[in-house]
Structures are given as C-alpha cells and as structure tokens.
Amino acid sequence: QWRQEFDTHLDIPEARTIPREVDGRQEISLRWGRIEFATSQALLQQE
C-alpha cells in the first residue's frame, strides 16, 4: 500500500521502491535516503 502511495502522491514509481530484506525489516534505498519498513516487534529490539 505504501509503495502505491509513493507512486500516486510522490511520483516515485513502484519499480524504484522494490524493497530488500535487511536485519528483519524491509528497506527501500533511494538517492536521497532510505525508507525502512519494520514491525513493532522488530522495533522493540532497537536501542
């Protein structure tokens, strides 16, 4: 859903937001930064 919203509202095509798995979370890398998708359980592990 978020990838579709990026495409619709931010003009970032879904082809550019294909996530990769990094330490139990999904990560999208763009030139200007990184977007991470994590469950609350994964966030609970962060300090």
ModelCIF file with pLDDT and N, C-alpha, C, O atoms, coordinates in Angstrom:
data_MODEL
#
_entry.id   MODEL 
#
_entity.id                         1 
_entity.type                       polymer 
_entity.pdbx_number_of_molecules   1 
#
_entity_poly.entity_id                      1 
_entity_poly.type                           'polypeptide(L)' 
_entity_poly.nstd_linkage                   no 
_entity_poly.nstd_monomer                   no 
_entity_poly.pdbx_seq_one_letter_code       QWRQEFDTHLDIPEARTIPREVDGRQEISLRWGRIEFATSQALLQQE 
_entity_poly.pdbx_seq_one_letter_code_can   QWRQEFDTHLDIPEARTIPREVDGRQEISLRWGRIEFATSQALLQQE 
_entity_poly.pdbx_strand_id                 A 
#
loop_
_entity_poly_seq.entity_id 
_entity_poly_seq.num 
_entity_poly_seq.mon_id 
_entity_poly_seq.hetero 
1 1  GLN n 
1 2  TRP n 
1 3  ARG n 
1 4  GLN n 
1 5  GLU n 
1 6  PHE n 
1 7  ASP n 
1 8  THR n 
1 9  HIS n 
1 10 LEU n 
1 11 ASP n 
1 12 ILE n 
1 13 PRO n 
1 14 GLU n 
1 15 ALA n 
1 16 ARG n 
1 17 THR n 
1 18 ILE n 
1 19 PRO n 
1 20 ARG n 
1 21 GLU n 
1 22 VAL n 
1 23 ASP n 
1 24 GLY n 
1 25 ARG n 
1 26 GLN n 
1 27 GLU n 
1 28 ILE n 
1 29 SER n 
1 30 LEU n 
1 31 ARG n 
1 32 TRP n 
1 33 GLY n 
1 34 ARG n 
1 35 ILE n 
1 36 GLU n 
1 37 PHE n 
1 38 ALA n 
1 39 THR n 
1 40 SER n 
1 41 GLN n 
1 42 ALA n 
1 43 LEU n 
1 44 LEU n 
1 45 GLN n 
1 46 GLN n 
1 47 GLU n 
#
_struct_asym.id          A 
_struct_asym.entity_id   1 
#
loop_
_ma_qa_metric.id 
_ma_qa_metric.mode 
_ma_qa_metric.name 
_ma_qa_metric.software_group_id 
_ma_qa_metric.type 
1 global pLDDT . pLDDT 
2 local  pLDDT . pLDDT 
#
_ma_qa_metric_global.metric_id      1 
_ma_qa_metric_global.metric_value   86.34 
_ma_qa_metric_global.model_id       1 
_ma_qa_metric_global.ordinal_id     1 
#
loop_
_ma_qa_metric_local.label_asym_id 
_ma_qa_metric_local.label_comp_id 
_ma_qa_metric_local.label_seq_id 
_ma_qa_metric_local.metric_id 
_ma_qa_metric_local.metric_value 
_ma_qa_metric_local.model_id 
_ma_qa_metric_local.ordinal_id 
A GLN 1  2 87.00 1 1  
A TRP 2  2 85.00 1 2  
A ARG 3  2 90.00 1 3  
A GLN 4  2 92.00 1 4  
A GLU 5  2 89.00 1 5  
A PHE 6  2 88.00 1 6  
A ASP 7  2 91.00 1 7  
A THR 8  2 93.00 1 8  
A HIS 9  2 92.00 1 9  
A LEU 10 2 88.00 1 10 
A ASP 11 2 91.00 1 11 
A ILE 12 2 90.00 1 12 
A PRO 13 2 92.00 1 13 
A GLU 14 2 91.00 1 14 
A ALA 15 2 92.00 1 15 
A ARG 16 2 91.00 1 16 
A THR 17 2 91.00 1 17 
A ILE 18 2 92.00 1 18 
A PRO 19 2 92.00 1 19 
A ARG 20 2 92.00 1 20 
A GLU 21 2 91.00 1 21 
A VAL 22 2 85.00 1 22 
A ASP 23 2 79.00 1 23 
A GLY 24 2 75.00 1 24 
A ARG 25 2 80.00 1 25 
A GLN 26 2 89.00 1 26 
A GLU 27 2 90.00 1 27 
A ILE 28 2 92.00 1 28 
A SER 29 2 90.00 1 29 
A LEU 30 2 88.00 1 30 
A ARG 31 2 88.00 1 31 
A TRP 32 2 88.00 1 32 
A GLY 33 2 88.00 1 33 
A ARG 34 2 89.00 1 34 
A ILE 35 2 89.00 1 35 
A GLU 36 2 88.00 1 36 
A PHE 37 2 86.00 1 37 
A ALA 38 2 81.00 1 38 
A THR 39 2 76.00 1 39 
A SER 40 2 73.00 1 40 
A GLN 41 2 74.00 1 41 
A ALA 42 2 77.00 1 42 
A LEU 43 2 77.00 1 43 
A LEU 44 2 76.00 1 44 
A GLN 45 2 79.00 1 45 
A GLN 46 2 80.00 1 46 
A GLU 47 2 81.00 1 47 
#
loop_
_atom_site.group_PDB 
_atom_site.id 
_atom_site.type_symbol 
_atom_site.label_atom_id 
_atom_site.label_alt_id 
_atom_site.label_comp_id 
_atom_site.label_asym_id 
_atom_site.label_entity_id 
_atom_site.label_seq_id 
_atom_site.pdbx_PDB_ins_code 
_atom_site.Cartn_x 
_atom_site.Cartn_y 
_atom_site.Cartn_z 
_atom_site.occupancy 
_atom_site.B_iso_or_equiv 
_atom_site.pdbx_formal_charge 
_atom_site.auth_seq_id 
_atom_site.auth_comp_id 
_atom_site.auth_asym_id 
_atom_site.auth_atom_id 
_atom_site.pdbx_PDB_model_num 
ATOM 1   N N  . GLN A 1 1  ? 0.824  -1.205 0.000  1.00 87.00 ? 1  GLN A N  1 
ATOM 2   C CA . GLN A 1 1  ? 0.000  0.000  0.000  1.00 87.00 ? 1  GLN A CA 1 
ATOM 3   C C  . GLN A 1 1  ? 0.858  1.254  0.000  1.00 87.00 ? 1  GLN A C  1 
ATOM 4   O O  . GLN A 1 1  ? 0.570  2.199  -0.735 1.00 87.00 ? 1  GLN A O  1 
ATOM 5   N N  . TRP A 1 2  ? 1.915  1.278  0.818  1.00 85.00 ? 2  TRP A N  1 
ATOM 6   C CA . TRP A 1 2  ? 2.794  2.448  0.873  1.00 85.00 ? 2  TRP A CA 1 
ATOM 7   C C  . TRP A 1 2  ? 3.504  2.662  -0.455 1.00 85.00 ? 2  TRP A C  1 
ATOM 8   O O  . TRP A 1 2  ? 3.663  3.799  -0.897 1.00 85.00 ? 2  TRP A O  1 
ATOM 9   N N  . ARG A 1 3  ? 3.933  1.578  -1.094 1.00 90.00 ? 3  ARG A N  1 
ATOM 10  C CA . ARG A 1 3  ? 4.594  1.714  -2.392 1.00 90.00 ? 3  ARG A CA 1 
ATOM 11  C C  . ARG A 1 3  ? 3.645  2.320  -3.418 1.00 90.00 ? 3  ARG A C  1 
ATOM 12  O O  . ARG A 1 3  ? 4.065  3.128  -4.246 1.00 90.00 ? 3  ARG A O  1 
ATOM 13  N N  . GLN A 1 4  ? 2.385  1.944  -3.373 1.00 92.00 ? 4  GLN A N  1 
ATOM 14  C CA . GLN A 1 4  ? 1.389  2.533  -4.280 1.00 92.00 ? 4  GLN A CA 1 
ATOM 15  C C  . GLN A 1 4  ? 1.197  4.016  -3.973 1.00 92.00 ? 4  GLN A C  1 
ATOM 16  O O  . GLN A 1 4  ? 1.066  4.831  -4.886 1.00 92.00 ? 4  GLN A O  1 
ATOM 17  N N  . GLU A 1 5  ? 1.180  4.363  -2.688 1.00 89.00 ? 5  GLU A N  1 
ATOM 18  C CA . GLU A 1 5  ? 1.027  5.772  -2.299 1.00 89.00 ? 5  GLU A CA 1 
ATOM 19  C C  . GLU A 1 5  ? 2.232  6.603  -2.737 1.00 89.00 ? 5  GLU A C  1 
ATOM 20  O O  . GLU A 1 5  ? 2.071  7.744  -3.169 1.00 89.00 ? 5  GLU A O  1 
ATOM 21  N N  . PHE A 1 6  ? 3.445  6.039  -2.627 1.00 88.00 ? 6  PHE A N  1 
ATOM 22  C CA . PHE A 1 6  ? 4.636  6.741  -3.112 1.00 88.00 ? 6  PHE A CA 1 
ATOM 23  C C  . PHE A 1 6  ? 4.482  7.057  -4.597 1.00 88.00 ? 6  PHE A C  1 
ATOM 24  O O  . PHE A 1 6  ? 4.799  8.159  -5.044 1.00 88.00 ? 6  PHE A O  1 
ATOM 25  N N  . ASP A 1 7  ? 3.990  6.074  -5.357 1.00 91.00 ? 7  ASP A N  1 
ATOM 26  C CA . ASP A 1 7  ? 3.811  6.250  -6.790 1.00 91.00 ? 7  ASP A CA 1 
ATOM 27  C C  . ASP A 1 7  ? 2.745  7.309  -7.066 1.00 91.00 ? 7  ASP A C  1 
ATOM 28  O O  . ASP A 1 7  ? 2.959  8.206  -7.882 1.00 91.00 ? 7  ASP A O  1 
ATOM 29  N N  . THR A 1 8  ? 1.618  7.212  -6.404 1.00 93.00 ? 8  THR A N  1 
ATOM 30  C CA . THR A 1 8  ? 0.497  8.117  -6.653 1.00 93.00 ? 8  THR A CA 1 
ATOM 31  C C  . THR A 1 8  ? 0.779  9.548  -6.205 1.00 93.00 ? 8  THR A C  1 
ATOM 32  O O  . THR A 1 8  ? 0.527  10.492 -6.954 1.00 93.00 ? 8  THR A O  1 
ATOM 33  N N  . HIS A 1 9  ? 1.300  9.714  -4.991 1.00 92.00 ? 9  HIS A N  1 
ATOM 34  C CA . HIS A 1 9  ? 1.399  11.049 -4.398 1.00 92.00 ? 9  HIS A CA 1 
ATOM 35  C C  . HIS A 1 9  ? 2.784  11.682 -4.460 1.00 92.00 ? 9  HIS A C  1 
ATOM 36  O O  . HIS A 1 9  ? 2.912  12.905 -4.403 1.00 92.00 ? 9  HIS A O  1 
ATOM 37  N N  . LEU A 1 10 ? 3.820  10.856 -4.575 1.00 88.00 ? 10 LEU A N  1 
ATOM 38  C CA . LEU A 1 10 ? 5.179  11.400 -4.601 1.00 88.00 ? 10 LEU A CA 1 
ATOM 39  C C  . LEU A 1 10 ? 5.870  11.194 -5.943 1.00 88.00 ? 10 LEU A C  1 
ATOM 40  O O  . LEU A 1 10 ? 7.015  11.604 -6.130 1.00 88.00 ? 10 LEU A O  1 
ATOM 41  N N  . ASP A 1 11 ? 5.166  10.558 -6.874 1.00 91.00 ? 11 ASP A N  1 
ATOM 42  C CA . ASP A 1 11 ? 5.701  10.289 -8.204 1.00 91.00 ? 11 ASP A CA 1 
ATOM 43  C C  . ASP A 1 11 ? 6.994  9.466  -8.154 1.00 91.00 ? 11 ASP A C  1 
ATOM 44  O O  . ASP A 1 11 ? 7.927  9.697  -8.923 1.00 91.00 ? 11 ASP A O  1 
ATOM 45  N N  . ILE A 1 12 ? 7.023  8.511  -7.237 1.00 90.00 ? 12 ILE A N  1 
ATOM 46  C CA . ILE A 1 12 ? 8.142  7.566  -7.160 1.00 90.00 ? 12 ILE A CA 1 
ATOM 47  C C  . ILE A 1 12 ? 7.582  6.219  -7.626 1.00 90.00 ? 12 ILE A C  1 
ATOM 48  O O  . ILE A 1 12 ? 6.882  5.547  -6.869 1.00 90.00 ? 12 ILE A O  1 
ATOM 49  N N  . PRO A 1 13 ? 7.886  5.819  -8.871 1.00 92.00 ? 13 PRO A N  1 
ATOM 50  C CA . PRO A 1 13 ? 7.311  4.592  -9.429 1.00 92.00 ? 13 PRO A CA 1 
ATOM 51  C C  . PRO A 1 13 ? 7.619  3.365  -8.572 1.00 92.00 ? 13 PRO A C  1 
ATOM 52  O O  . PRO A 1 13 ? 8.680  3.267  -7.956 1.00 92.00 ? 13 PRO A O  1 
ATOM 53  N N  . GLU A 1 14 ? 6.674  2.441  -8.547 1.00 91.00 ? 14 GLU A N  1 
ATOM 54  C CA . GLU A 1 14 ? 6.857  1.217  -7.755 1.00 91.00 ? 14 GLU A CA 1 
ATOM 55  C C  . GLU A 1 14 ? 8.111  0.456  -8.174 1.00 91.00 ? 14 GLU A C  1 
ATOM 56  O O  . GLU A 1 14 ? 8.717  -0.226 -7.348 1.00 91.00 ? 14 GLU A O  1 
ATOM 57  N N  . ALA A 1 15 ? 8.508  0.561  -9.435 1.00 92.00 ? 15 ALA A N  1 
ATOM 58  C CA . ALA A 1 15 ? 9.729  -0.114 -9.900 1.00 92.00 ? 15 ALA A CA 1 
ATOM 59  C C  . ALA A 1 15 ? 10.965 0.404  -9.167 1.00 92.00 ? 15 ALA A C  1 
ATOM 60  O O  . ALA A 1 15 ? 11.971 -0.302 -9.093 1.00 92.00 ? 15 ALA A O  1 
ATOM 61  N N  . ARG A 1 16 ? 10.911 1.627  -8.622 1.00 91.00 ? 16 ARG A N  1 
ATOM 62  C CA . ARG A 1 16 ? 12.050 2.200  -7.884 1.00 91.00 ? 16 ARG A CA 1 
ATOM 63  C C  . ARG A 1 16 ? 11.966 1.930  -6.389 1.00 91.00 ? 16 ARG A C  1 
ATOM 64  O O  . ARG A 1 16 ? 12.894 2.261  -5.651 1.00 91.00 ? 16 ARG A O  1 
ATOM 65  N N  . THR A 1 17 ? 10.874 1.336  -5.931 1.00 91.00 ? 17 THR A N  1 
ATOM 66  C CA . THR A 1 17 ? 10.710 1.112  -4.491 1.00 91.00 ? 17 THR A CA 1 
ATOM 67  C C  . THR A 1 17 ? 10.610 -0.379 -4.157 1.00 91.00 ? 17 THR A C  1 
ATOM 68  O O  . THR A 1 17 ? 9.860  -0.778 -3.266 1.00 91.00 ? 17 THR A O  1 
ATOM 69  N N  . ILE A 1 18 ? 11.360 -1.176 -4.869 1.00 92.00 ? 18 ILE A N  1 
ATOM 70  C CA . ILE A 1 18 ? 11.387 -2.614 -4.577 1.00 92.00 ? 18 ILE A CA 1 
ATOM 71  C C  . ILE A 1 18 ? 12.234 -2.804 -3.320 1.00 92.00 ? 18 ILE A C  1 
ATOM 72  O O  . ILE A 1 18 ? 13.414 -2.451 -3.309 1.00 92.00 ? 18 ILE A O  1 
ATOM 73  N N  . PRO A 1 19 ? 11.642 -3.355 -2.268 1.00 92.00 ? 19 PRO A N  1 
ATOM 74  C CA . PRO A 1 19 ? 12.378 -3.485 -1.002 1.00 92.00 ? 19 PRO A CA 1 
ATOM 75  C C  . PRO A 1 19 ? 13.333 -4.673 -1.006 1.00 92.00 ? 19 PRO A C  1 
ATOM 76  O O  . PRO A 1 19 ? 13.189 -5.622 -1.776 1.00 92.00 ? 19 PRO A O  1 
ATOM 77  N N  . ARG A 1 20 ? 14.314 -4.579 -0.111 1.00 92.00 ? 20 ARG A N  1 
ATOM 78  C CA . ARG A 1 20 ? 15.197 -5.720 0.142  1.00 92.00 ? 20 ARG A CA 1 
ATOM 79  C C  . ARG A 1 20 ? 15.190 -5.977 1.643  1.00 92.00 ? 20 ARG A C  1 
ATOM 80  O O  . ARG A 1 20 ? 14.973 -5.060 2.435  1.00 92.00 ? 20 ARG A O  1 
ATOM 81  N N  . GLU A 1 21 ? 15.426 -7.213 2.027  1.00 91.00 ? 21 GLU A N  1 
ATOM 82  C CA . GLU A 1 21 ? 15.417 -7.624 3.429  1.00 91.00 ? 21 GLU A CA 1 
ATOM 83  C C  . GLU A 1 21 ? 16.738 -7.236 4.087  1.00 91.00 ? 21 GLU A C  1 
ATOM 84  O O  . GLU A 1 21 ? 17.808 -7.586 3.588  1.00 91.00 ? 21 GLU A O  1 
ATOM 85  N N  . VAL A 1 22 ? 16.666 -6.510 5.210  1.00 85.00 ? 22 VAL A N  1 
ATOM 86  C CA . VAL A 1 22 ? 17.856 -6.107 5.959  1.00 85.00 ? 22 VAL A CA 1 
ATOM 87  C C  . VAL A 1 22 ? 17.554 -6.279 7.446  1.00 85.00 ? 22 VAL A C  1 
ATOM 88  O O  . VAL A 1 22 ? 16.721 -5.555 7.994  1.00 85.00 ? 22 VAL A O  1 
ATOM 89  N N  . ASP A 1 23 ? 18.209 -7.211 8.094  1.00 79.00 ? 23 ASP A N  1 
ATOM 90  C CA . ASP A 1 23 ? 18.067 -7.414 9.545  1.00 79.00 ? 23 ASP A CA 1 
ATOM 91  C C  . ASP A 1 23 ? 16.613 -7.491 10.006 1.00 79.00 ? 23 ASP A C  1 
ATOM 92  O O  . ASP A 1 23 ? 16.240 -6.851 10.989 1.00 79.00 ? 23 ASP A O  1 
ATOM 93  N N  . GLY A 1 24 ? 15.799 -8.260 9.308  1.00 75.00 ? 24 GLY A N  1 
ATOM 94  C CA . GLY A 1 24 ? 14.424 -8.475 9.730  1.00 75.00 ? 24 GLY A CA 1 
ATOM 95  C C  . GLY A 1 24 ? 13.447 -7.378 9.350  1.00 75.00 ? 24 GLY A C  1 
ATOM 96  O O  . GLY A 1 24 ? 12.300 -7.399 9.796  1.00 75.00 ? 24 GLY A O  1 
ATOM 97  N N  . ARG A 1 25 ? 13.865 -6.433 8.549  1.00 80.00 ? 25 ARG A N  1 
ATOM 98  C CA . ARG A 1 25 ? 12.960 -5.380 8.091  1.00 80.00 ? 25 ARG A CA 1 
ATOM 99  C C  . ARG A 1 25 ? 13.161 -5.188 6.590  1.00 80.00 ? 25 ARG A C  1 
ATOM 100 O O  . ARG A 1 25 ? 14.173 -5.603 6.025  1.00 80.00 ? 25 ARG A O  1 
ATOM 101 N N  . GLN A 1 26 ? 12.192 -4.560 5.969  1.00 89.00 ? 26 GLN A N  1 
ATOM 102 C CA . GLN A 1 26 ? 12.272 -4.265 4.545  1.00 89.00 ? 26 GLN A CA 1 
ATOM 103 C C  . GLN A 1 26 ? 12.845 -2.859 4.369  1.00 89.00 ? 26 GLN A C  1 
ATOM 104 O O  . GLN A 1 26 ? 12.477 -1.940 5.100  1.00 89.00 ? 26 GLN A O  1 
ATOM 105 N N  . GLU A 1 27 ? 13.734 -2.696 3.411  1.00 90.00 ? 27 GLU A N  1 
ATOM 106 C CA . GLU A 1 27 ? 14.386 -1.409 3.198  1.00 90.00 ? 27 GLU A CA 1 
ATOM 107 C C  . GLU A 1 27 ? 14.315 -1.021 1.717  1.00 90.00 ? 27 GLU A C  1 
ATOM 108 O O  . GLU A 1 27 ? 14.559 -1.840 0.831  1.00 90.00 ? 27 GLU A O  1 
ATOM 109 N N  . ILE A 1 28 ? 13.979 0.239  1.474  1.00 92.00 ? 28 ILE A N  1 
ATOM 110 C CA . ILE A 1 28 ? 13.986 0.807  0.124  1.00 92.00 ? 28 ILE A CA 1 
ATOM 111 C C  . ILE A 1 28 ? 15.052 1.892  0.105  1.00 92.00 ? 28 ILE A C  1 
ATOM 112 O O  . ILE A 1 28 ? 14.996 2.837  0.892  1.00 92.00 ? 28 ILE A O  1 
ATOM 113 N N  . SER A 1 29 ? 16.021 1.759  -0.791 1.00 90.00 ? 29 SER A N  1 
ATOM 114 C CA . SER A 1 29 ? 17.085 2.753  -0.898 1.00 90.00 ? 29 SER A CA 1 
ATOM 115 C C  . SER A 1 29 ? 16.841 3.629  -2.113 1.00 90.00 ? 29 SER A C  1 
ATOM 116 O O  . SER A 1 29 ? 16.650 3.141  -3.226 1.00 90.00 ? 29 SER A O  1 
ATOM 117 N N  . LEU A 1 30 ? 16.853 4.932  -1.875 1.00 88.00 ? 30 LEU A N  1 
ATOM 118 C CA . LEU A 1 30 ? 16.712 5.926  -2.937 1.00 88.00 ? 30 LEU A CA 1 
ATOM 119 C C  . LEU A 1 30 ? 17.936 6.833  -2.893 1.00 88.00 ? 30 LEU A C  1 
ATOM 120 O O  . LEU A 1 30 ? 18.673 6.806  -1.907 1.00 88.00 ? 30 LEU A O  1 
ATOM 121 N N  . ARG A 1 31 ? 18.174 7.627  -3.919 1.00 88.00 ? 31 ARG A N  1 
ATOM 122 C CA . ARG A 1 31 ? 19.358 8.509  -3.937 1.00 88.00 ? 31 ARG A CA 1 
ATOM 123 C C  . ARG A 1 31 ? 19.383 9.437  -2.736 1.00 88.00 ? 31 ARG A C  1 
ATOM 124 O O  . ARG A 1 31 ? 20.453 9.702  -2.188 1.00 88.00 ? 31 ARG A O  1 
ATOM 125 N N  . TRP A 1 32 ? 18.235 9.932  -2.317 1.00 88.00 ? 32 TRP A N  1 
ATOM 126 C CA . TRP A 1 32 ? 18.159 10.944 -1.271 1.00 88.00 ? 32 TRP A CA 1 
ATOM 127 C C  . TRP A 1 32 ? 18.007 10.363 0.132  1.00 88.00 ? 32 TRP A C  1 
ATOM 128 O O  . TRP A 1 32 ? 18.008 11.107 1.112  1.00 88.00 ? 32 TRP A O  1 
ATOM 129 N N  . GLY A 1 33 ? 17.878 9.053  0.236  1.00 88.00 ? 33 GLY A N  1 
ATOM 130 C CA . GLY A 1 33 ? 17.750 8.473  1.567  1.00 88.00 ? 33 GLY A CA 1 
ATOM 131 C C  . GLY A 1 33 ? 17.232 7.055  1.548  1.00 88.00 ? 33 GLY A C  1 
ATOM 132 O O  . GLY A 1 33 ? 17.138 6.414  0.502  1.00 88.00 ? 33 GLY A O  1 
ATOM 133 N N  . ARG A 1 34 ? 16.904 6.590  2.720  1.00 89.00 ? 34 ARG A N  1 
ATOM 134 C CA . ARG A 1 34 ? 16.490 5.206  2.916  1.00 89.00 ? 34 ARG A CA 1 
ATOM 135 C C  . ARG A 1 34 ? 15.143 5.197  3.631  1.00 89.00 ? 34 ARG A C  1 
ATOM 136 O O  . ARG A 1 34 ? 14.909 5.990  4.543  1.00 89.00 ? 34 ARG A O  1 
ATOM 137 N N  . ILE A 1 35 ? 14.268 4.300  3.211  1.00 89.00 ? 35 ILE A N  1 
ATOM 138 C CA . ILE A 1 35 ? 12.975 4.108  3.856  1.00 89.00 ? 35 ILE A CA 1 
ATOM 139 C C  . ILE A 1 35 ? 12.968 2.687  4.399  1.00 89.00 ? 35 ILE A C  1 
ATOM 140 O O  . ILE A 1 35 ? 13.213 1.734  3.659  1.00 89.00 ? 35 ILE A O  1 
ATOM 141 N N  . GLU A 1 36 ? 12.690 2.545  5.679  1.00 88.00 ? 36 GLU A N  1 
ATOM 142 C CA . GLU A 1 36 ? 12.635 1.221  6.295  1.00 88.00 ? 36 GLU A CA 1 
ATOM 143 C C  . GLU A 1 36 ? 11.213 0.912  6.709  1.00 88.00 ? 36 GLU A C  1 
ATOM 144 O O  . GLU A 1 36 ? 10.490 1.789  7.181  1.00 88.00 ? 36 GLU A O  1 
ATOM 145 N N  . PHE A 1 37 ? 10.813 -0.334 6.532  1.00 86.00 ? 37 PHE A N  1 
ATOM 146 C CA . PHE A 1 37 ? 9.523  -0.830 6.992  1.00 86.00 ? 37 PHE A CA 1 
ATOM 147 C C  . PHE A 1 37 ? 9.806  -1.916 8.018  1.00 86.00 ? 37 PHE A C  1 
ATOM 148 O O  . PHE A 1 37 ? 10.470 -2.909 7.720  1.00 86.00 ? 37 PHE A O  1 
ATOM 149 N N  . ALA A 1 38 ? 9.298  -1.718 9.226  1.00 81.00 ? 38 ALA A N  1 
ATOM 150 C CA . ALA A 1 38 ? 9.552  -2.683 10.290 1.00 81.00 ? 38 ALA A CA 1 
ATOM 151 C C  . ALA A 1 38 ? 8.285  -2.917 11.089 1.00 81.00 ? 38 ALA A C  1 
ATOM 152 O O  . ALA A 1 38 ? 7.445  -2.026 11.220 1.00 81.00 ? 38 ALA A O  1 
ATOM 153 N N  . THR A 1 39 ? 8.156  -4.106 11.613 1.00 76.00 ? 39 THR A N  1 
ATOM 154 C CA . THR A 1 39 ? 7.043  -4.404 12.503 1.00 76.00 ? 39 THR A CA 1 
ATOM 155 C C  . THR A 1 39 ? 7.358  -3.839 13.881 1.00 76.00 ? 39 THR A C  1 
ATOM 156 O O  . THR A 1 39 ? 8.510  -3.534 14.187 1.00 76.00 ? 39 THR A O  1 
ATOM 157 N N  . SER A 1 40 ? 6.347  -3.706 14.691 1.00 73.00 ? 40 SER A N  1 
ATOM 158 C CA . SER A 1 40 ? 6.583  -3.223 16.052 1.00 73.00 ? 40 SER A CA 1 
ATOM 159 C C  . SER A 1 40 ? 7.485  -4.185 16.814 1.00 73.00 ? 40 SER A C  1 
ATOM 160 O O  . SER A 1 40 ? 8.283  -3.757 17.648 1.00 73.00 ? 40 SER A O  1 
ATOM 161 N N  . GLN A 1 41 ? 7.365  -5.483 16.535 1.00 74.00 ? 41 GLN A N  1 
ATOM 162 C CA . GLN A 1 41 ? 8.221  -6.457 17.208 1.00 74.00 ? 41 GLN A CA 1 
ATOM 163 C C  . GLN A 1 41 ? 9.690  -6.218 16.868 1.00 74.00 ? 41 GLN A C  1 
ATOM 164 O O  . GLN A 1 41 ? 10.553 -6.340 17.737 1.00 74.00 ? 41 GLN A O  1 
ATOM 165 N N  . ALA A 1 42 ? 9.982  -5.877 15.606 1.00 77.00 ? 42 ALA A N  1 
ATOM 166 C CA . ALA A 1 42 ? 11.367 -5.586 15.214 1.00 77.00 ? 42 ALA A CA 1 
ATOM 167 C C  . ALA A 1 42 ? 11.848 -4.296 15.867 1.00 77.00 ? 42 ALA A C  1 
ATOM 168 O O  . ALA A 1 42 ? 13.000 -4.211 16.292 1.00 77.00 ? 42 ALA A O  1 
ATOM 169 N N  . LEU A 1 43 ? 10.975 -3.289 15.952 1.00 77.00 ? 43 LEU A N  1 
ATOM 170 C CA . LEU A 1 43 ? 11.368 -2.027 16.583 1.00 77.00 ? 43 LEU A CA 1 
ATOM 171 C C  . LEU A 1 43 ? 11.634 -2.196 18.075 1.00 77.00 ? 43 LEU A C  1 
ATOM 172 O O  . LEU A 1 43 ? 12.469 -1.493 18.644 1.00 77.00 ? 43 LEU A O  1 
ATOM 173 N N  . LEU A 1 44 ? 10.925 -3.128 18.709 1.00 76.00 ? 44 LEU A N  1 
ATOM 174 C CA . LEU A 1 44 ? 11.146 -3.372 20.135 1.00 76.00 ? 44 LEU A CA 1 
ATOM 175 C C  . LEU A 1 44 ? 12.576 -3.817 20.414 1.00 76.00 ? 44 LEU A C  1 
ATOM 176 O O  . LEU A 1 44 ? 13.065 -3.645 21.530 1.00 76.00 ? 44 LEU A O  1 
ATOM 177 N N  . GLN A 1 45 ? 13.249 -4.384 19.425 1.00 79.00 ? 45 GLN A N  1 
ATOM 178 C CA . GLN A 1 45 ? 14.618 -4.877 19.601 1.00 79.00 ? 45 GLN A CA 1 
ATOM 179 C C  . GLN A 1 45 ? 15.657 -3.756 19.503 1.00 79.00 ? 45 GLN A C  1 
ATOM 180 O O  . GLN A 1 45 ? 16.818 -3.962 19.856 1.00 79.00 ? 45 GLN A O  1 
ATOM 181 N N  . GLN A 1 46 ? 15.255 -2.580 19.031 1.00 80.00 ? 46 GLN A N  1 
ATOM 182 C CA . GLN A 1 46 ? 16.196 -1.479 18.845 1.00 80.00 ? 46 GLN A CA 1 
ATOM 183 C C  . GLN A 1 46 ? 16.419 -0.707 20.142 1.00 80.00 ? 46 GLN A C  1 
ATOM 184 O O  . GLN A 1 46 ? 15.504 -0.520 20.944 1.00 80.00 ? 46 GLN A O  1 
ATOM 185 N N  . GLU A 1 47 ? 17.647 -0.271 20.319 1.00 81.00 ? 47 GLU A N  1 
ATOM 186 C CA . GLU A 1 47 ? 18.011 0.507  21.499 1.00 81.00 ? 47 GLU A CA 1 
ATOM 187 C C  . GLU A 1 47 ? 17.680 1.986  21.335 1.00 81.00 ? 47 GLU A C  1 
ATOM 188 O O  . GLU A 1 47 ? 17.927 2.779  22.244 1.00 81.00 ? 47 GLU A O  1 
#
